[in-house]
Amino acid sequence: REEERNRWNVEYGKVLSGTASEKEIRDYYDQRGQLSGDYVEFATYLLDHYGDKLPERDVNMLKLARKLNQARLEEIPRKIEEALARKQKQDEARAAWLADQKAFGGAPDSDAK
C-alpha cells in the first residue's frame, strides 16, 4: 500500500507542477474519484446497515466522511480543468524557453524533454 501511495503522490506532484501529461492528469483524478466513490459507498453501507447499532459519535463521523468525499467528487471536474491549464502554461513556458535557446544558438538536444 505504501508503495502505491508513494506512486500516486509522485503523480500528484507532476499534476501540481504542470509536468504531467493529459493522460496522467486524467488517470490521477480518475483514481481519486474511484477512491472517494468507494468511501462514499462504504460509509453509506455502514450507515444503512449498522447506523442504529453504532454510537452516535461513529454515526456522525461516517456522515462527515461521506459528506467530505462527496464534496471531493464534485470538485474533480474543476481540478482537472485547473491541472490542464497549469499544463498548458508549463508547455508554453517550455516552448518559449526552447525558442530562446535556439535563437541564442544554445539549443539543447532535440530529444531532451
N, C-alpha and C. Protein backbone atom coordinates (compact mmCIF):
# COMPACT_ATOMS: atom_id res chain seq x y z
N ARG A 1 0.81 -1.20 0.00
CA ARG A 1 0.00 0.00 0.00
C ARG A 1 0.85 1.26 0.00
N GLU A 2 1.91 1.23 0.79
CA GLU A 2 2.76 2.41 0.88
C GLU A 2 3.40 2.73 -0.46
N GLU A 3 3.81 1.70 -1.17
CA GLU A 3 4.42 1.91 -2.49
C GLU A 3 3.42 2.54 -3.46
N GLU A 4 2.20 2.05 -3.42
CA GLU A 4 1.15 2.60 -4.29
C GLU A 4 0.84 4.05 -3.90
N ARG A 5 0.76 4.31 -2.63
CA ARG A 5 0.51 5.67 -2.14
C ARG A 5 1.64 6.61 -2.59
N ASN A 6 2.87 6.14 -2.49
CA ASN A 6 4.01 6.96 -2.94
C ASN A 6 3.95 7.23 -4.44
N ARG A 7 3.54 6.22 -5.20
CA ARG A 7 3.43 6.40 -6.66
C ARG A 7 2.40 7.48 -6.99
N TRP A 8 1.24 7.44 -6.32
CA TRP A 8 0.21 8.44 -6.59
C TRP A 8 0.63 9.82 -6.07
N ASN A 9 1.45 9.84 -5.03
CA ASN A 9 1.96 11.12 -4.54
C ASN A 9 2.90 11.76 -5.58
N VAL A 10 3.72 10.93 -6.22
CA VAL A 10 4.59 11.43 -7.30
C VAL A 10 3.74 11.96 -8.46
N GLU A 11 2.70 11.23 -8.80
CA GLU A 11 1.80 11.67 -9.88
C GLU A 11 1.15 13.00 -9.51
N TYR A 12 0.75 13.14 -8.26
CA TYR A 12 0.12 14.39 -7.82
C TYR A 12 1.11 15.55 -7.94
N GLY A 13 2.36 15.31 -7.60
CA GLY A 13 3.38 16.34 -7.77
C GLY A 13 3.50 16.78 -9.22
N LYS A 14 3.44 15.83 -10.13
CA LYS A 14 3.50 16.17 -11.55
C LYS A 14 2.26 16.96 -11.98
N VAL A 15 1.10 16.57 -11.45
CA VAL A 15 -0.14 17.29 -11.77
C VAL A 15 -0.04 18.73 -11.28
N LEU A 16 0.44 18.92 -10.05
CA LEU A 16 0.54 20.27 -9.49
C LEU A 16 1.57 21.13 -10.21
N SER A 17 2.66 20.52 -10.65
CA SER A 17 3.73 21.28 -11.28
C SER A 17 3.45 21.58 -12.75
N GLY A 18 2.43 20.95 -13.32
CA GLY A 18 2.12 21.16 -14.73
C GLY A 18 2.95 20.30 -15.67
N THR A 19 3.67 19.33 -15.12
CA THR A 19 4.52 18.49 -15.97
C THR A 19 3.88 17.15 -16.32
N ALA A 20 2.71 16.87 -15.79
CA ALA A 20 2.01 15.62 -16.11
C ALA A 20 1.39 15.74 -17.50
N SER A 21 1.30 14.62 -18.19
CA SER A 21 0.60 14.61 -19.48
C SER A 21 -0.91 14.67 -19.21
N GLU A 22 -1.67 14.95 -20.25
CA GLU A 22 -3.13 14.98 -20.08
C GLU A 22 -3.63 13.63 -19.58
N LYS A 23 -3.07 12.54 -20.10
CA LYS A 23 -3.48 11.20 -19.65
C LYS A 23 -3.16 11.00 -18.17
N GLU A 24 -1.97 11.44 -17.76
CA GLU A 24 -1.60 11.30 -16.34
C GLU A 24 -2.52 12.11 -15.44
N ILE A 25 -2.91 13.30 -15.90
CA ILE A 25 -3.84 14.13 -15.14
C ILE A 25 -5.17 13.41 -14.99
N ARG A 26 -5.68 12.93 -16.11
CA ARG A 26 -6.99 12.25 -16.06
C ARG A 26 -6.91 10.95 -15.26
N ASP A 27 -5.82 10.21 -15.40
CA ASP A 27 -5.66 8.97 -14.62
C ASP A 27 -5.61 9.27 -13.13
N TYR A 28 -4.90 10.33 -12.75
CA TYR A 28 -4.79 10.69 -11.34
C TYR A 28 -6.18 11.00 -10.77
N TYR A 29 -6.92 11.85 -11.47
CA TYR A 29 -8.24 12.24 -10.95
C TYR A 29 -9.26 11.11 -11.08
N ASP A 30 -9.09 10.22 -12.04
CA ASP A 30 -9.95 9.02 -12.08
C ASP A 30 -9.72 8.17 -10.84
N GLN A 31 -8.46 8.02 -10.46
CA GLN A 31 -8.12 7.23 -9.27
C GLN A 31 -8.69 7.90 -8.03
N ARG A 32 -8.55 9.22 -7.92
CA ARG A 32 -9.08 9.95 -6.76
C ARG A 32 -10.60 9.82 -6.71
N GLY A 33 -11.23 9.90 -7.88
CA GLY A 33 -12.69 9.76 -7.94
C GLY A 33 -13.14 8.38 -7.53
N GLN A 34 -12.43 7.36 -7.97
CA GLN A 34 -12.77 5.99 -7.59
C GLN A 34 -12.62 5.80 -6.08
N LEU A 35 -11.54 6.31 -5.53
CA LEU A 35 -11.30 6.18 -4.10
C LEU A 35 -12.39 6.90 -3.29
N SER A 36 -12.70 8.14 -3.64
CA SER A 36 -13.75 8.87 -2.92
C SER A 36 -15.10 8.20 -3.11
N GLY A 37 -15.37 7.70 -4.30
CA GLY A 37 -16.62 6.98 -4.54
C GLY A 37 -16.74 5.74 -3.68
N ASP A 38 -15.63 5.03 -3.54
CA ASP A 38 -15.63 3.84 -2.67
C ASP A 38 -15.90 4.22 -1.22
N TYR A 39 -15.29 5.32 -0.77
CA TYR A 39 -15.52 5.78 0.61
C TYR A 39 -16.98 6.15 0.83
N VAL A 40 -17.58 6.84 -0.14
CA VAL A 40 -18.99 7.22 -0.03
C VAL A 40 -19.85 5.97 0.04
N GLU A 41 -19.58 5.02 -0.83
CA GLU A 41 -20.36 3.78 -0.86
C GLU A 41 -20.22 3.01 0.45
N PHE A 42 -19.01 2.91 0.96
CA PHE A 42 -18.77 2.17 2.20
C PHE A 42 -19.44 2.86 3.39
N ALA A 43 -19.30 4.17 3.49
CA ALA A 43 -19.93 4.89 4.60
C ALA A 43 -21.45 4.76 4.52
N THR A 44 -21.99 4.85 3.32
CA THR A 44 -23.45 4.71 3.15
C THR A 44 -23.90 3.31 3.56
N TYR A 45 -23.15 2.30 3.17
CA TYR A 45 -23.48 0.92 3.55
C TYR A 45 -23.49 0.77 5.08
N LEU A 46 -22.45 1.27 5.71
CA LEU A 46 -22.38 1.15 7.17
C LEU A 46 -23.54 1.88 7.84
N LEU A 47 -23.84 3.08 7.36
CA LEU A 47 -24.95 3.83 7.95
C LEU A 47 -26.28 3.14 7.73
N ASP A 48 -26.49 2.61 6.54
CA ASP A 48 -27.76 1.95 6.22
C ASP A 48 -27.94 0.65 7.00
N HIS A 49 -26.87 -0.09 7.18
CA HIS A 49 -26.98 -1.41 7.81
C HIS A 49 -26.67 -1.44 9.30
N TYR A 50 -25.89 -0.49 9.77
CA TYR A 50 -25.46 -0.52 11.17
C TYR A 50 -25.66 0.81 11.89
N GLY A 51 -26.26 1.78 11.21
CA GLY A 51 -26.43 3.10 11.81
C GLY A 51 -27.17 3.09 13.13
N ASP A 52 -28.14 2.17 13.26
CA ASP A 52 -28.91 2.10 14.52
C ASP A 52 -28.16 1.34 15.61
N LYS A 53 -27.06 0.69 15.28
CA LYS A 53 -26.29 -0.09 16.25
C LYS A 53 -25.01 0.61 16.69
N LEU A 54 -24.61 1.63 15.93
CA LEU A 54 -23.36 2.34 16.22
C LEU A 54 -23.60 3.50 17.18
N PRO A 55 -22.57 3.84 17.96
CA PRO A 55 -22.69 5.02 18.82
C PRO A 55 -22.90 6.28 17.96
N GLU A 56 -23.56 7.25 18.51
CA GLU A 56 -23.86 8.48 17.79
C GLU A 56 -22.59 9.14 17.24
N ARG A 57 -21.52 9.10 18.01
CA ARG A 57 -20.24 9.67 17.57
C ARG A 57 -19.78 9.01 16.27
N ASP A 58 -19.88 7.68 16.19
CA ASP A 58 -19.46 6.96 14.99
C ASP A 58 -20.37 7.27 13.81
N VAL A 59 -21.65 7.36 14.07
CA VAL A 59 -22.61 7.70 13.01
C VAL A 59 -22.28 9.08 12.46
N ASN A 60 -22.01 10.04 13.34
CA ASN A 60 -21.68 11.39 12.89
C ASN A 60 -20.36 11.42 12.11
N MET A 61 -19.39 10.63 12.52
CA MET A 61 -18.13 10.56 11.79
C MET A 61 -18.33 9.98 10.40
N LEU A 62 -19.15 8.95 10.29
CA LEU A 62 -19.43 8.36 8.99
C LEU A 62 -20.16 9.34 8.08
N LYS A 63 -21.10 10.07 8.65
CA LYS A 63 -21.82 11.08 7.86
C LYS A 63 -20.87 12.17 7.38
N LEU A 64 -19.96 12.58 8.24
CA LEU A 64 -18.98 13.59 7.86
C LEU A 64 -18.05 13.07 6.77
N ALA A 65 -17.57 11.84 6.94
CA ALA A 65 -16.68 11.24 5.94
C ALA A 65 -17.39 11.15 4.59
N ARG A 66 -18.64 10.76 4.62
CA ARG A 66 -19.40 10.66 3.37
C ARG A 66 -19.56 12.03 2.72
N LYS A 67 -19.88 13.03 3.52
CA LYS A 67 -20.07 14.38 3.01
C LYS A 67 -18.77 14.94 2.41
N LEU A 68 -17.65 14.73 3.09
CA LEU A 68 -16.37 15.22 2.59
C LEU A 68 -15.98 14.54 1.29
N ASN A 69 -16.21 13.24 1.19
CA ASN A 69 -15.87 12.53 -0.04
C ASN A 69 -16.81 12.88 -1.18
N GLN A 70 -18.06 13.16 -0.87
CA GLN A 70 -18.98 13.63 -1.91
C GLN A 70 -18.52 14.99 -2.44
N ALA A 71 -18.04 15.84 -1.54
CA ALA A 71 -17.53 17.15 -1.96
C ALA A 71 -16.30 16.98 -2.85
N ARG A 72 -15.43 16.04 -2.51
CA ARG A 72 -14.25 15.77 -3.35
C ARG A 72 -14.67 15.33 -4.74
N LEU A 73 -15.68 14.47 -4.81
CA LEU A 73 -16.16 14.01 -6.11
C LEU A 73 -16.69 15.18 -6.94
N GLU A 74 -17.38 16.09 -6.30
CA GLU A 74 -17.97 17.23 -7.01
C GLU A 74 -16.90 18.19 -7.54
N GLU A 75 -15.77 18.27 -6.86
CA GLU A 75 -14.75 19.23 -7.29
C GLU A 75 -13.76 18.66 -8.32
N ILE A 76 -13.84 17.39 -8.61
CA ILE A 76 -12.88 16.77 -9.54
C ILE A 76 -12.91 17.43 -10.93
N PRO A 77 -14.06 17.69 -11.53
CA PRO A 77 -14.03 18.33 -12.85
C PRO A 77 -13.29 19.68 -12.84
N ARG A 78 -13.49 20.48 -11.81
CA ARG A 78 -12.80 21.76 -11.70
C ARG A 78 -11.30 21.55 -11.54
N LYS A 79 -10.92 20.57 -10.74
CA LYS A 79 -9.50 20.30 -10.51
C LYS A 79 -8.82 19.83 -11.80
N ILE A 80 -9.53 19.05 -12.60
CA ILE A 80 -8.98 18.60 -13.88
C ILE A 80 -8.73 19.80 -14.78
N GLU A 81 -9.70 20.71 -14.86
CA GLU A 81 -9.53 21.90 -15.71
C GLU A 81 -8.36 22.75 -15.22
N GLU A 82 -8.23 22.90 -13.92
CA GLU A 82 -7.10 23.68 -13.37
C GLU A 82 -5.77 23.01 -13.72
N ALA A 83 -5.72 21.70 -13.60
CA ALA A 83 -4.48 20.97 -13.91
C ALA A 83 -4.14 21.08 -15.39
N LEU A 84 -5.14 21.00 -16.24
CA LEU A 84 -4.89 21.14 -17.68
C LEU A 84 -4.41 22.56 -18.01
N ALA A 85 -4.93 23.56 -17.31
CA ALA A 85 -4.48 24.94 -17.52
C ALA A 85 -3.02 25.09 -17.07
N ARG A 86 -2.66 24.49 -15.93
CA ARG A 86 -1.26 24.53 -15.48
C ARG A 86 -0.34 23.86 -16.49
N LYS A 87 -0.80 22.73 -17.03
CA LYS A 87 -0.02 22.01 -18.04
C LYS A 87 0.19 22.89 -19.27
N GLN A 88 -0.85 23.55 -19.71
CA GLN A 88 -0.74 24.42 -20.89
C GLN A 88 0.27 25.54 -20.63
N LYS A 89 0.19 26.17 -19.45
CA LYS A 89 1.15 27.24 -19.12
C LYS A 89 2.57 26.70 -19.10
N GLN A 90 2.74 25.53 -18.51
CA GLN A 90 4.07 24.91 -18.44
C GLN A 90 4.58 24.60 -19.85
N ASP A 91 3.71 24.06 -20.69
CA ASP A 91 4.09 23.75 -22.08
C ASP A 91 4.48 25.01 -22.83
N GLU A 92 3.72 26.09 -22.63
CA GLU A 92 4.03 27.36 -23.31
C GLU A 92 5.36 27.93 -22.82
N ALA A 93 5.59 27.86 -21.51
CA ALA A 93 6.85 28.37 -20.95
C ALA A 93 8.03 27.57 -21.48
N ARG A 94 7.86 26.26 -21.58
CA ARG A 94 8.93 25.40 -22.09
C ARG A 94 9.21 25.71 -23.56
N ALA A 95 8.14 25.89 -24.34
CA ALA A 95 8.31 26.21 -25.76
C ALA A 95 9.02 27.55 -25.93
N ALA A 96 8.67 28.53 -25.09
CA ALA A 96 9.34 29.83 -25.17
C ALA A 96 10.81 29.70 -24.78
N TRP A 97 11.10 28.92 -23.77
CA TRP A 97 12.49 28.71 -23.35
C TRP A 97 13.29 28.04 -24.47
N LEU A 98 12.70 27.01 -25.09
CA LEU A 98 13.39 26.33 -26.19
C LEU A 98 13.62 27.27 -27.36
N ALA A 99 12.65 28.14 -27.64
CA ALA A 99 12.81 29.10 -28.73
C ALA A 99 13.94 30.08 -28.41
N ASP A 100 14.01 30.51 -27.16
CA ASP A 100 15.11 31.40 -26.74
C ASP A 100 16.45 30.70 -26.87
N GLN A 101 16.50 29.45 -26.47
CA GLN A 101 17.75 28.70 -26.57
C GLN A 101 18.19 28.58 -28.02
N LYS A 102 17.25 28.31 -28.89
CA LYS A 102 17.56 28.17 -30.32
C LYS A 102 18.02 29.50 -30.90
N ALA A 103 17.34 30.58 -30.50
CA ALA A 103 17.67 31.90 -31.01
C ALA A 103 19.08 32.32 -30.61
N PHE A 104 19.53 31.89 -29.46
CA PHE A 104 20.86 32.27 -28.98
C PHE A 104 21.90 31.20 -29.28
N GLY A 105 21.55 30.22 -30.09
CA GLY A 105 22.50 29.23 -30.53
C GLY A 105 22.85 28.19 -29.49
N GLY A 106 22.10 28.10 -28.44
CA GLY A 106 22.39 27.12 -27.40
C GLY A 106 21.29 26.08 -27.28
N ALA A 107 20.68 25.72 -28.38
CA ALA A 107 19.55 24.79 -28.34
C ALA A 107 20.00 23.45 -27.79
N PRO A 108 19.25 22.93 -26.81
CA PRO A 108 19.57 21.60 -26.29
C PRO A 108 19.25 20.53 -27.33
N ASP A 109 19.69 19.33 -27.09
CA ASP A 109 19.39 18.22 -28.00
C ASP A 109 17.90 18.13 -28.23
N SER A 110 17.51 17.77 -29.44
CA SER A 110 16.10 17.74 -29.78
C SER A 110 15.33 16.66 -29.05
N ASP A 111 16.02 15.62 -28.55
CA ASP A 111 15.30 14.55 -27.85
C ASP A 111 15.27 14.79 -26.34
N ALA A 112 15.79 15.88 -25.84
CA ALA A 112 15.70 16.21 -24.42
C ALA A 112 14.31 16.72 -24.14
N LYS A 113 13.79 16.36 -22.98
CA LYS A 113 12.44 16.81 -22.64
C LYS A 113 12.44 17.64 -21.42
